[in-house]
N, C-alpha and C. Protein backbone atom coordinates (compact mmCIF):
# COMPACT_ATOMS: atom_id res chain seq x y z
N MET A 1 -90.76 28.10 -1.44
CA MET A 1 -90.21 27.93 -0.12
C MET A 1 -89.27 29.10 0.15
N GLY A 2 -89.42 29.76 1.32
CA GLY A 2 -88.57 30.87 1.69
C GLY A 2 -87.21 30.39 2.14
N ALA A 3 -86.41 31.34 2.55
CA ALA A 3 -85.07 30.98 3.04
C ALA A 3 -85.19 30.11 4.28
N ASP A 4 -84.34 29.12 4.35
CA ASP A 4 -84.34 28.22 5.49
C ASP A 4 -83.66 28.93 6.66
N PRO A 5 -84.30 28.98 7.84
CA PRO A 5 -83.69 29.68 8.97
C PRO A 5 -82.39 29.05 9.47
N ASP A 6 -82.12 27.83 9.07
CA ASP A 6 -80.90 27.14 9.52
C ASP A 6 -79.79 27.17 8.49
N GLU A 7 -80.06 27.74 7.33
CA GLU A 7 -79.10 27.69 6.22
C GLU A 7 -77.73 28.25 6.59
N GLU A 8 -77.68 29.41 7.22
CA GLU A 8 -76.41 30.03 7.57
C GLU A 8 -75.63 29.18 8.57
N LEU A 9 -76.33 28.65 9.58
CA LEU A 9 -75.64 27.79 10.55
C LEU A 9 -75.08 26.54 9.89
N VAL A 10 -75.84 25.94 9.01
CA VAL A 10 -75.37 24.73 8.32
C VAL A 10 -74.14 25.06 7.47
N ARG A 11 -74.17 26.20 6.79
CA ARG A 11 -73.02 26.61 5.99
C ARG A 11 -71.78 26.77 6.89
N ARG A 12 -71.97 27.40 8.04
CA ARG A 12 -70.85 27.60 8.97
C ARG A 12 -70.36 26.27 9.54
N ILE A 13 -71.28 25.36 9.84
CA ILE A 13 -70.89 24.03 10.34
C ILE A 13 -70.05 23.31 9.30
N SER A 14 -70.48 23.37 8.03
CA SER A 14 -69.73 22.69 6.97
C SER A 14 -68.34 23.28 6.79
N ALA A 15 -68.16 24.54 7.23
CA ALA A 15 -66.84 25.18 7.16
C ALA A 15 -66.01 24.90 8.42
N GLY A 16 -66.57 24.11 9.37
CA GLY A 16 -65.82 23.73 10.56
C GLY A 16 -65.96 24.68 11.74
N ASP A 17 -66.94 25.55 11.73
CA ASP A 17 -67.15 26.54 12.79
C ASP A 17 -67.75 25.87 14.03
N GLN A 18 -66.96 25.74 15.10
CA GLN A 18 -67.41 25.10 16.33
C GLN A 18 -68.55 25.86 17.00
N ALA A 19 -68.51 27.19 16.94
CA ALA A 19 -69.58 28.00 17.54
C ALA A 19 -70.91 27.72 16.84
N ALA A 20 -70.86 27.48 15.54
CA ALA A 20 -72.08 27.17 14.79
C ALA A 20 -72.64 25.81 15.22
N VAL A 21 -71.75 24.86 15.49
CA VAL A 21 -72.19 23.54 15.97
C VAL A 21 -72.90 23.71 17.31
N GLN A 22 -72.30 24.47 18.20
CA GLN A 22 -72.91 24.70 19.52
C GLN A 22 -74.25 25.41 19.38
N ALA A 23 -74.35 26.37 18.49
CA ALA A 23 -75.60 27.09 18.27
C ALA A 23 -76.68 26.15 17.71
N MET A 24 -76.28 25.25 16.81
CA MET A 24 -77.24 24.31 16.22
C MET A 24 -77.73 23.33 17.28
N VAL A 25 -76.82 22.85 18.12
CA VAL A 25 -77.23 21.95 19.19
C VAL A 25 -78.21 22.66 20.12
N ALA A 26 -77.90 23.89 20.50
CA ALA A 26 -78.80 24.64 21.38
C ALA A 26 -80.17 24.84 20.73
N ARG A 27 -80.18 25.05 19.44
CA ARG A 27 -81.43 25.31 18.71
C ARG A 27 -82.27 24.05 18.52
N LYS A 28 -81.63 22.93 18.23
CA LYS A 28 -82.36 21.71 17.82
C LYS A 28 -82.48 20.64 18.88
N LEU A 29 -81.63 20.68 19.91
CA LEU A 29 -81.59 19.60 20.89
C LEU A 29 -82.95 19.28 21.52
N PRO A 30 -83.70 20.25 22.02
CA PRO A 30 -84.96 19.87 22.69
C PRO A 30 -85.93 19.11 21.79
N ARG A 31 -86.09 19.56 20.55
CA ARG A 31 -87.05 18.89 19.65
C ARG A 31 -86.55 17.52 19.22
N VAL A 32 -85.28 17.41 18.92
CA VAL A 32 -84.73 16.13 18.47
C VAL A 32 -84.76 15.12 19.61
N LEU A 33 -84.42 15.55 20.82
CA LEU A 33 -84.46 14.66 21.97
C LEU A 33 -85.89 14.21 22.26
N SER A 34 -86.83 15.13 22.17
CA SER A 34 -88.24 14.80 22.38
C SER A 34 -88.71 13.76 21.36
N LEU A 35 -88.35 13.96 20.10
CA LEU A 35 -88.72 13.02 19.05
C LEU A 35 -88.15 11.63 19.33
N ALA A 36 -86.87 11.55 19.63
CA ALA A 36 -86.22 10.26 19.86
C ALA A 36 -86.80 9.58 21.10
N THR A 37 -87.06 10.34 22.15
CA THR A 37 -87.61 9.76 23.38
C THR A 37 -88.98 9.18 23.13
N ARG A 38 -89.80 9.91 22.40
CA ARG A 38 -91.15 9.41 22.12
C ARG A 38 -91.14 8.21 21.17
N MET A 39 -90.22 8.20 20.24
CA MET A 39 -90.15 7.07 19.31
C MET A 39 -89.62 5.81 19.99
N LEU A 40 -88.66 5.98 20.90
CA LEU A 40 -88.00 4.82 21.50
C LEU A 40 -88.55 4.44 22.86
N GLY A 41 -89.14 5.42 23.57
CA GLY A 41 -89.65 5.13 24.91
C GLY A 41 -88.56 4.86 25.93
N ASP A 42 -87.34 5.30 25.64
CA ASP A 42 -86.20 5.05 26.53
C ASP A 42 -85.30 6.27 26.46
N ALA A 43 -85.18 7.00 27.57
CA ALA A 43 -84.44 8.26 27.59
C ALA A 43 -82.95 8.07 27.28
N ALA A 44 -82.33 7.05 27.83
CA ALA A 44 -80.90 6.82 27.60
C ALA A 44 -80.63 6.49 26.14
N GLU A 45 -81.46 5.65 25.58
CA GLU A 45 -81.30 5.29 24.17
C GLU A 45 -81.55 6.50 23.28
N ALA A 46 -82.53 7.33 23.66
CA ALA A 46 -82.83 8.55 22.90
C ALA A 46 -81.63 9.50 22.92
N GLU A 47 -80.96 9.61 24.05
CA GLU A 47 -79.78 10.47 24.14
C GLU A 47 -78.67 9.98 23.21
N ASP A 48 -78.50 8.67 23.11
CA ASP A 48 -77.52 8.11 22.18
C ASP A 48 -77.86 8.47 20.73
N VAL A 49 -79.15 8.35 20.40
CA VAL A 49 -79.60 8.68 19.04
C VAL A 49 -79.35 10.16 18.75
N VAL A 50 -79.65 11.02 19.71
CA VAL A 50 -79.46 12.45 19.51
C VAL A 50 -77.98 12.77 19.31
N GLN A 51 -77.13 12.14 20.09
CA GLN A 51 -75.69 12.36 19.93
C GLN A 51 -75.25 11.96 18.53
N GLU A 52 -75.70 10.82 18.07
CA GLU A 52 -75.36 10.37 16.72
C GLU A 52 -75.94 11.30 15.66
N THR A 53 -77.13 11.83 15.90
CA THR A 53 -77.74 12.79 14.96
C THR A 53 -76.84 14.01 14.79
N PHE A 54 -76.37 14.56 15.90
CA PHE A 54 -75.53 15.76 15.81
C PHE A 54 -74.15 15.45 15.23
N VAL A 55 -73.65 14.26 15.46
CA VAL A 55 -72.39 13.86 14.82
C VAL A 55 -72.59 13.82 13.31
N ARG A 56 -73.72 13.30 12.88
CA ARG A 56 -74.00 13.24 11.44
C ARG A 56 -74.17 14.63 10.84
N ILE A 57 -74.80 15.53 11.58
CA ILE A 57 -74.92 16.92 11.10
C ILE A 57 -73.52 17.49 10.88
N TRP A 58 -72.66 17.30 11.86
CA TRP A 58 -71.31 17.83 11.78
C TRP A 58 -70.57 17.24 10.58
N ARG A 59 -70.71 15.92 10.39
CA ARG A 59 -69.98 15.26 9.29
C ARG A 59 -70.57 15.54 7.91
N HIS A 60 -71.89 15.70 7.83
CA HIS A 60 -72.55 15.76 6.53
C HIS A 60 -73.21 17.10 6.23
N ALA A 61 -72.87 18.13 6.98
CA ALA A 61 -73.50 19.44 6.77
C ALA A 61 -73.29 19.93 5.33
N ALA A 62 -72.15 19.67 4.77
CA ALA A 62 -71.87 20.13 3.41
C ALA A 62 -72.76 19.43 2.37
N GLY A 63 -73.29 18.25 2.71
CA GLY A 63 -74.14 17.51 1.78
C GLY A 63 -75.59 17.97 1.75
N TRP A 64 -75.99 18.74 2.75
CA TRP A 64 -77.38 19.24 2.76
C TRP A 64 -77.49 20.38 1.76
N ARG A 65 -78.55 20.37 0.98
CA ARG A 65 -78.74 21.39 -0.05
C ARG A 65 -80.06 22.12 0.17
N GLN A 66 -79.97 23.44 0.31
CA GLN A 66 -81.15 24.29 0.42
C GLN A 66 -82.02 24.06 -0.81
N GLY A 67 -83.31 23.96 -0.61
CA GLY A 67 -84.23 23.79 -1.73
C GLY A 67 -84.68 22.37 -1.92
N GLN A 68 -83.85 21.38 -1.57
CA GLN A 68 -84.26 19.98 -1.69
C GLN A 68 -85.17 19.61 -0.52
N ALA A 69 -84.82 20.06 0.67
CA ALA A 69 -85.64 19.84 1.87
C ALA A 69 -85.19 20.87 2.90
N ARG A 70 -86.11 21.29 3.74
CA ARG A 70 -85.74 22.18 4.83
C ARG A 70 -84.78 21.42 5.76
N PHE A 71 -83.85 22.13 6.36
CA PHE A 71 -82.91 21.48 7.24
C PHE A 71 -83.64 20.79 8.40
N ASP A 72 -84.70 21.42 8.92
CA ASP A 72 -85.47 20.82 10.01
C ASP A 72 -86.05 19.46 9.59
N THR A 73 -86.51 19.37 8.35
CA THR A 73 -87.03 18.10 7.83
C THR A 73 -85.90 17.08 7.76
N TRP A 74 -84.74 17.51 7.29
CA TRP A 74 -83.59 16.62 7.17
C TRP A 74 -83.15 16.08 8.53
N ILE A 75 -83.05 16.94 9.53
CA ILE A 75 -82.60 16.49 10.85
C ILE A 75 -83.63 15.54 11.48
N HIS A 76 -84.92 15.79 11.25
CA HIS A 76 -85.94 14.87 11.75
C HIS A 76 -85.81 13.51 11.05
N ARG A 77 -85.54 13.51 9.75
CA ARG A 77 -85.40 12.25 9.02
C ARG A 77 -84.20 11.47 9.53
N VAL A 78 -83.08 12.14 9.77
CA VAL A 78 -81.90 11.48 10.31
C VAL A 78 -82.22 10.85 11.66
N THR A 79 -82.88 11.62 12.53
CA THR A 79 -83.24 11.12 13.85
C THR A 79 -84.17 9.92 13.75
N LEU A 80 -85.19 10.02 12.90
CA LEU A 80 -86.13 8.91 12.74
C LEU A 80 -85.44 7.66 12.20
N ASN A 81 -84.54 7.83 11.25
CA ASN A 81 -83.81 6.66 10.71
C ASN A 81 -82.99 5.98 11.80
N LEU A 82 -82.33 6.77 12.63
CA LEU A 82 -81.56 6.20 13.73
C LEU A 82 -82.47 5.50 14.74
N CYS A 83 -83.64 6.06 15.00
CA CYS A 83 -84.61 5.42 15.90
C CYS A 83 -85.07 4.08 15.32
N TYR A 84 -85.37 4.06 14.02
CA TYR A 84 -85.81 2.81 13.41
C TYR A 84 -84.70 1.76 13.43
N ASP A 85 -83.44 2.19 13.28
CA ASP A 85 -82.33 1.24 13.41
C ASP A 85 -82.36 0.59 14.79
N ARG A 86 -82.55 1.40 15.82
CA ARG A 86 -82.60 0.88 17.20
C ARG A 86 -83.80 -0.05 17.37
N LEU A 87 -84.97 0.35 16.86
CA LEU A 87 -86.17 -0.48 17.00
C LEU A 87 -85.99 -1.83 16.30
N ARG A 88 -85.34 -1.82 15.14
CA ARG A 88 -85.08 -3.08 14.42
C ARG A 88 -84.16 -3.98 15.24
N ARG A 89 -83.14 -3.40 15.85
CA ARG A 89 -82.22 -4.20 16.67
C ARG A 89 -82.94 -4.82 17.86
N ARG A 90 -83.90 -4.11 18.41
CA ARG A 90 -84.68 -4.68 19.53
C ARG A 90 -85.41 -5.94 19.10
N ARG A 91 -85.99 -5.91 17.90
CA ARG A 91 -86.76 -7.05 17.40
C ARG A 91 -85.85 -8.23 17.06
N GLU A 92 -84.57 -7.97 16.81
CA GLU A 92 -83.65 -9.02 16.39
C GLU A 92 -83.08 -9.82 17.55
N TRP A 93 -83.39 -9.44 18.78
CA TRP A 93 -82.89 -10.20 19.93
C TRP A 93 -83.48 -11.60 19.90
N THR A 94 -82.68 -12.56 20.27
CA THR A 94 -83.17 -13.93 20.37
C THR A 94 -83.28 -14.29 21.84
N THR A 95 -83.93 -15.41 22.13
CA THR A 95 -84.10 -15.83 23.52
C THR A 95 -82.75 -16.17 24.16
N ASP A 96 -81.74 -16.45 23.37
CA ASP A 96 -80.40 -16.71 23.91
C ASP A 96 -79.76 -15.46 24.52
N GLU A 97 -80.30 -14.29 24.17
CA GLU A 97 -79.72 -13.04 24.63
C GLU A 97 -80.52 -12.39 25.75
N LEU A 98 -81.38 -13.12 26.40
CA LEU A 98 -82.18 -12.55 27.48
C LEU A 98 -81.29 -12.17 28.66
N PRO A 99 -81.64 -11.11 29.38
CA PRO A 99 -80.84 -10.75 30.54
C PRO A 99 -80.92 -11.83 31.61
N GLU A 100 -79.88 -11.90 32.44
CA GLU A 100 -79.84 -12.92 33.48
C GLU A 100 -80.84 -12.62 34.59
N VAL A 101 -81.09 -11.34 34.86
CA VAL A 101 -81.99 -10.94 35.93
C VAL A 101 -83.30 -10.44 35.32
N ALA A 102 -84.41 -10.94 35.82
CA ALA A 102 -85.71 -10.50 35.32
C ALA A 102 -85.97 -9.06 35.74
N ASP A 103 -86.65 -8.32 34.89
CA ASP A 103 -87.02 -6.94 35.19
C ASP A 103 -88.01 -6.94 36.34
N SER A 104 -87.70 -6.21 37.41
CA SER A 104 -88.57 -6.19 38.58
C SER A 104 -89.60 -5.07 38.53
N ALA A 105 -89.60 -4.27 37.46
CA ALA A 105 -90.57 -3.18 37.35
C ALA A 105 -91.98 -3.76 37.23
N PRO A 106 -92.96 -3.05 37.78
CA PRO A 106 -94.34 -3.54 37.68
C PRO A 106 -94.80 -3.55 36.22
N LEU A 107 -95.73 -4.42 35.93
CA LEU A 107 -96.30 -4.46 34.59
C LEU A 107 -97.04 -3.17 34.32
N PRO A 108 -97.15 -2.77 33.04
CA PRO A 108 -97.81 -1.50 32.73
C PRO A 108 -99.21 -1.37 33.32
N ASP A 109 -99.96 -2.45 33.35
CA ASP A 109 -101.33 -2.34 33.87
C ASP A 109 -101.36 -2.23 35.39
N ALA A 110 -100.21 -2.43 36.06
CA ALA A 110 -100.16 -2.31 37.52
C ALA A 110 -99.63 -0.95 37.97
N LEU A 111 -99.26 -0.12 37.02
CA LEU A 111 -98.73 1.21 37.36
C LEU A 111 -99.85 2.13 37.81
N PRO A 112 -99.53 3.15 38.61
CA PRO A 112 -100.54 4.12 39.01
C PRO A 112 -101.18 4.78 37.80
N GLY A 113 -102.33 5.39 37.97
CA GLY A 113 -103.11 5.93 36.86
C GLY A 113 -102.57 7.21 36.25
N ASP A 114 -101.29 7.40 36.20
CA ASP A 114 -100.69 8.58 35.60
C ASP A 114 -101.02 8.61 34.11
N GLU A 115 -101.80 9.59 33.71
CA GLU A 115 -102.29 9.67 32.33
C GLU A 115 -101.15 9.79 31.31
N GLY A 116 -100.15 10.61 31.61
CA GLY A 116 -99.02 10.76 30.69
C GLY A 116 -98.28 9.46 30.47
N ARG A 117 -98.08 8.72 31.53
CA ARG A 117 -97.39 7.43 31.42
C ARG A 117 -98.24 6.46 30.60
N ARG A 118 -99.53 6.46 30.82
CA ARG A 118 -100.43 5.56 30.06
C ARG A 118 -100.37 5.89 28.57
N VAL A 119 -100.39 7.17 28.25
CA VAL A 119 -100.34 7.57 26.84
C VAL A 119 -99.00 7.16 26.24
N GLN A 120 -97.90 7.40 26.95
CA GLN A 120 -96.57 7.02 26.43
C GLN A 120 -96.48 5.52 26.22
N GLN A 121 -97.02 4.74 27.15
CA GLN A 121 -96.99 3.29 26.99
C GLN A 121 -97.84 2.86 25.80
N ALA A 122 -98.99 3.47 25.65
CA ALA A 122 -99.85 3.14 24.51
C ALA A 122 -99.16 3.53 23.20
N LEU A 123 -98.50 4.67 23.20
CA LEU A 123 -97.79 5.13 22.01
C LEU A 123 -96.73 4.11 21.59
N GLN A 124 -96.08 3.49 22.55
CA GLN A 124 -95.05 2.48 22.23
C GLN A 124 -95.66 1.20 21.68
N ARG A 125 -96.95 0.99 21.87
CA ARG A 125 -97.60 -0.25 21.45
C ARG A 125 -98.22 -0.16 20.06
N ILE A 126 -98.33 1.04 19.49
CA ILE A 126 -98.93 1.14 18.15
C ILE A 126 -97.85 0.94 17.10
N ALA A 127 -98.28 0.76 15.86
CA ALA A 127 -97.34 0.53 14.75
C ALA A 127 -96.34 1.69 14.65
N PRO A 128 -95.07 1.38 14.39
CA PRO A 128 -94.04 2.42 14.36
C PRO A 128 -94.35 3.59 13.40
N ARG A 129 -94.86 3.31 12.23
CA ARG A 129 -95.14 4.40 11.29
C ARG A 129 -96.28 5.28 11.80
N GLN A 130 -97.28 4.69 12.47
CA GLN A 130 -98.35 5.47 13.07
C GLN A 130 -97.79 6.33 14.20
N ARG A 131 -96.92 5.73 15.02
CA ARG A 131 -96.28 6.47 16.11
C ARG A 131 -95.48 7.64 15.55
N GLU A 132 -94.73 7.38 14.50
CA GLU A 132 -93.92 8.43 13.88
C GLU A 132 -94.80 9.59 13.43
N ALA A 133 -95.91 9.30 12.77
CA ALA A 133 -96.81 10.36 12.30
C ALA A 133 -97.37 11.16 13.47
N ILE A 134 -97.82 10.48 14.50
CA ILE A 134 -98.39 11.15 15.67
C ILE A 134 -97.35 12.01 16.37
N VAL A 135 -96.16 11.48 16.55
CA VAL A 135 -95.10 12.23 17.24
C VAL A 135 -94.74 13.48 16.44
N LEU A 136 -94.57 13.34 15.13
CA LEU A 136 -94.20 14.51 14.33
C LEU A 136 -95.27 15.59 14.34
N VAL A 137 -96.53 15.21 14.20
CA VAL A 137 -97.61 16.20 14.10
C VAL A 137 -97.99 16.75 15.47
N TYR A 138 -98.20 15.89 16.45
CA TYR A 138 -98.74 16.35 17.72
C TYR A 138 -97.67 16.76 18.73
N TYR A 139 -96.55 16.07 18.76
CA TYR A 139 -95.52 16.40 19.74
C TYR A 139 -94.46 17.34 19.17
N GLN A 140 -94.08 17.14 17.90
CA GLN A 140 -93.09 18.01 17.28
C GLN A 140 -93.74 19.23 16.63
N GLU A 141 -95.07 19.23 16.59
CA GLU A 141 -95.87 20.35 16.06
C GLU A 141 -95.52 20.70 14.62
N MET A 142 -95.26 19.67 13.81
CA MET A 142 -95.02 19.88 12.38
C MET A 142 -96.38 19.96 11.69
N SER A 143 -96.43 20.70 10.60
CA SER A 143 -97.64 20.70 9.78
C SER A 143 -97.72 19.34 9.09
N ASN A 144 -98.88 19.02 8.55
CA ASN A 144 -99.02 17.74 7.84
C ASN A 144 -98.06 17.68 6.65
N ILE A 145 -97.86 18.82 5.99
CA ILE A 145 -96.96 18.85 4.84
C ILE A 145 -95.52 18.58 5.29
N GLU A 146 -95.10 19.23 6.38
CA GLU A 146 -93.74 19.02 6.88
C GLU A 146 -93.54 17.59 7.36
N ALA A 147 -94.51 17.06 8.09
CA ALA A 147 -94.40 15.69 8.60
C ALA A 147 -94.36 14.68 7.45
N ALA A 148 -95.19 14.90 6.45
CA ALA A 148 -95.19 14.00 5.27
C ALA A 148 -93.83 14.05 4.60
N GLY A 149 -93.23 15.23 4.50
CA GLY A 149 -91.89 15.35 3.92
C GLY A 149 -90.86 14.60 4.74
N ALA A 150 -90.92 14.74 6.06
CA ALA A 150 -89.97 14.04 6.93
C ALA A 150 -90.12 12.53 6.82
N MET A 151 -91.37 12.09 6.65
CA MET A 151 -91.63 10.65 6.56
C MET A 151 -91.48 10.11 5.14
N GLN A 152 -91.33 11.02 4.19
CA GLN A 152 -91.21 10.67 2.78
C GLN A 152 -92.44 9.93 2.27
N VAL A 153 -93.62 10.47 2.64
CA VAL A 153 -94.90 9.94 2.18
C VAL A 153 -95.75 11.11 1.70
N SER A 154 -96.86 10.80 1.03
CA SER A 154 -97.78 11.86 0.61
C SER A 154 -98.55 12.36 1.82
N VAL A 155 -99.15 13.53 1.69
CA VAL A 155 -99.97 14.08 2.77
C VAL A 155 -101.16 13.15 3.04
N ASP A 156 -101.75 12.60 1.98
CA ASP A 156 -102.86 11.66 2.17
C ASP A 156 -102.42 10.43 2.98
N ALA A 157 -101.24 9.91 2.67
CA ALA A 157 -100.73 8.75 3.42
C ALA A 157 -100.49 9.12 4.88
N LEU A 158 -99.94 10.32 5.11
CA LEU A 158 -99.72 10.78 6.48
C LEU A 158 -101.05 10.86 7.23
N GLU A 159 -102.05 11.46 6.59
CA GLU A 159 -103.34 11.61 7.25
C GLU A 159 -103.97 10.25 7.56
N SER A 160 -103.75 9.28 6.68
CA SER A 160 -104.23 7.92 6.94
C SER A 160 -103.51 7.32 8.14
N LEU A 161 -102.19 7.50 8.22
CA LEU A 161 -101.43 7.01 9.36
C LEU A 161 -101.89 7.67 10.65
N LEU A 162 -102.16 8.98 10.59
CA LEU A 162 -102.64 9.69 11.78
C LEU A 162 -103.98 9.14 12.24
N ALA A 163 -104.89 8.93 11.30
CA ALA A 163 -106.22 8.43 11.66
C ALA A 163 -106.12 7.03 12.28
N ARG A 164 -105.34 6.16 11.66
CA ARG A 164 -105.20 4.80 12.20
C ARG A 164 -104.49 4.84 13.55
N GLY A 165 -103.50 5.70 13.68
CA GLY A 165 -102.78 5.82 14.95
C GLY A 165 -103.67 6.33 16.07
N ARG A 166 -104.49 7.33 15.78
CA ARG A 166 -105.42 7.85 16.80
C ARG A 166 -106.41 6.78 17.23
N ARG A 167 -106.93 6.03 16.25
CA ARG A 167 -107.87 4.95 16.59
C ARG A 167 -107.18 3.89 17.45
N ALA A 168 -105.95 3.52 17.09
CA ALA A 168 -105.21 2.51 17.85
C ALA A 168 -104.95 2.99 19.27
N LEU A 169 -104.53 4.25 19.41
CA LEU A 169 -104.30 4.81 20.75
C LEU A 169 -105.58 4.82 21.57
N GLN A 170 -106.66 5.25 20.94
CA GLN A 170 -107.93 5.30 21.65
C GLN A 170 -108.34 3.91 22.13
N ALA A 171 -108.19 2.92 21.27
CA ALA A 171 -108.56 1.55 21.65
C ALA A 171 -107.69 1.07 22.81
N LEU A 172 -106.40 1.36 22.75
CA LEU A 172 -105.50 0.94 23.83
C LEU A 172 -105.83 1.66 25.13
N LEU A 173 -106.06 2.95 25.06
CA LEU A 173 -106.32 3.71 26.28
C LEU A 173 -107.67 3.37 26.89
N ILE A 174 -108.66 3.12 26.06
CA ILE A 174 -109.97 2.71 26.60
C ILE A 174 -109.87 1.30 27.14
N GLY A 175 -109.18 0.42 26.41
CA GLY A 175 -109.00 -0.97 26.85
C GLY A 175 -108.20 -1.06 28.14
N ASP A 176 -107.19 -0.16 28.28
CA ASP A 176 -106.35 -0.18 29.49
C ASP A 176 -107.05 0.47 30.68
N ASN A 177 -108.14 1.15 30.41
CA ASN A 177 -108.84 1.88 31.46
C ASN A 177 -109.66 0.97 32.36
N GLY A 178 -109.90 -0.24 31.89
CA GLY A 178 -110.66 -1.19 32.71
C GLY A 178 -112.15 -0.97 32.65
N ASP A 179 -112.62 -0.17 31.70
CA ASP A 179 -114.05 0.14 31.60
C ASP A 179 -114.74 -0.76 30.60
N ASP A 180 -114.24 -1.93 30.31
CA ASP A 180 -114.82 -2.82 29.29
C ASP A 180 -116.19 -3.29 29.72
């Protein structure tokens, strides 16, 4: 593995350099925000996750070690862990905690045929690990090796998740198309 392009910035961040923090945010914000948005399907919640991700970088920069994992892999793992924390909390809601006002938004199948929206909705309906694999490889443009590292699985396991995720998306998109 060659030198990590983020190594110098991380070293400066761990030394308390505010300019380095700003440079890291400028460098990583678009990809991390994109990852969180696609994983959570909620822009506001994704922004909260991204803010927490950068707070953790600032607090734990000294703990990252070159050679154990690329910094980009580490920041993706932090973001994914925070997303999974949010997704777990969503599942833990009980019926006693329902909002007082019903959501007036149209049901997904009543929305206009915007292809991007359909894909995003389908992405939210597949298994979280499959979604994670698809987002890392196709949206974050990570190689299979990098994505497997971020997910802490073997490349074979990643490829299996990708295949199952693509099949699940295809089934949802064809099923939602009304062409049954």
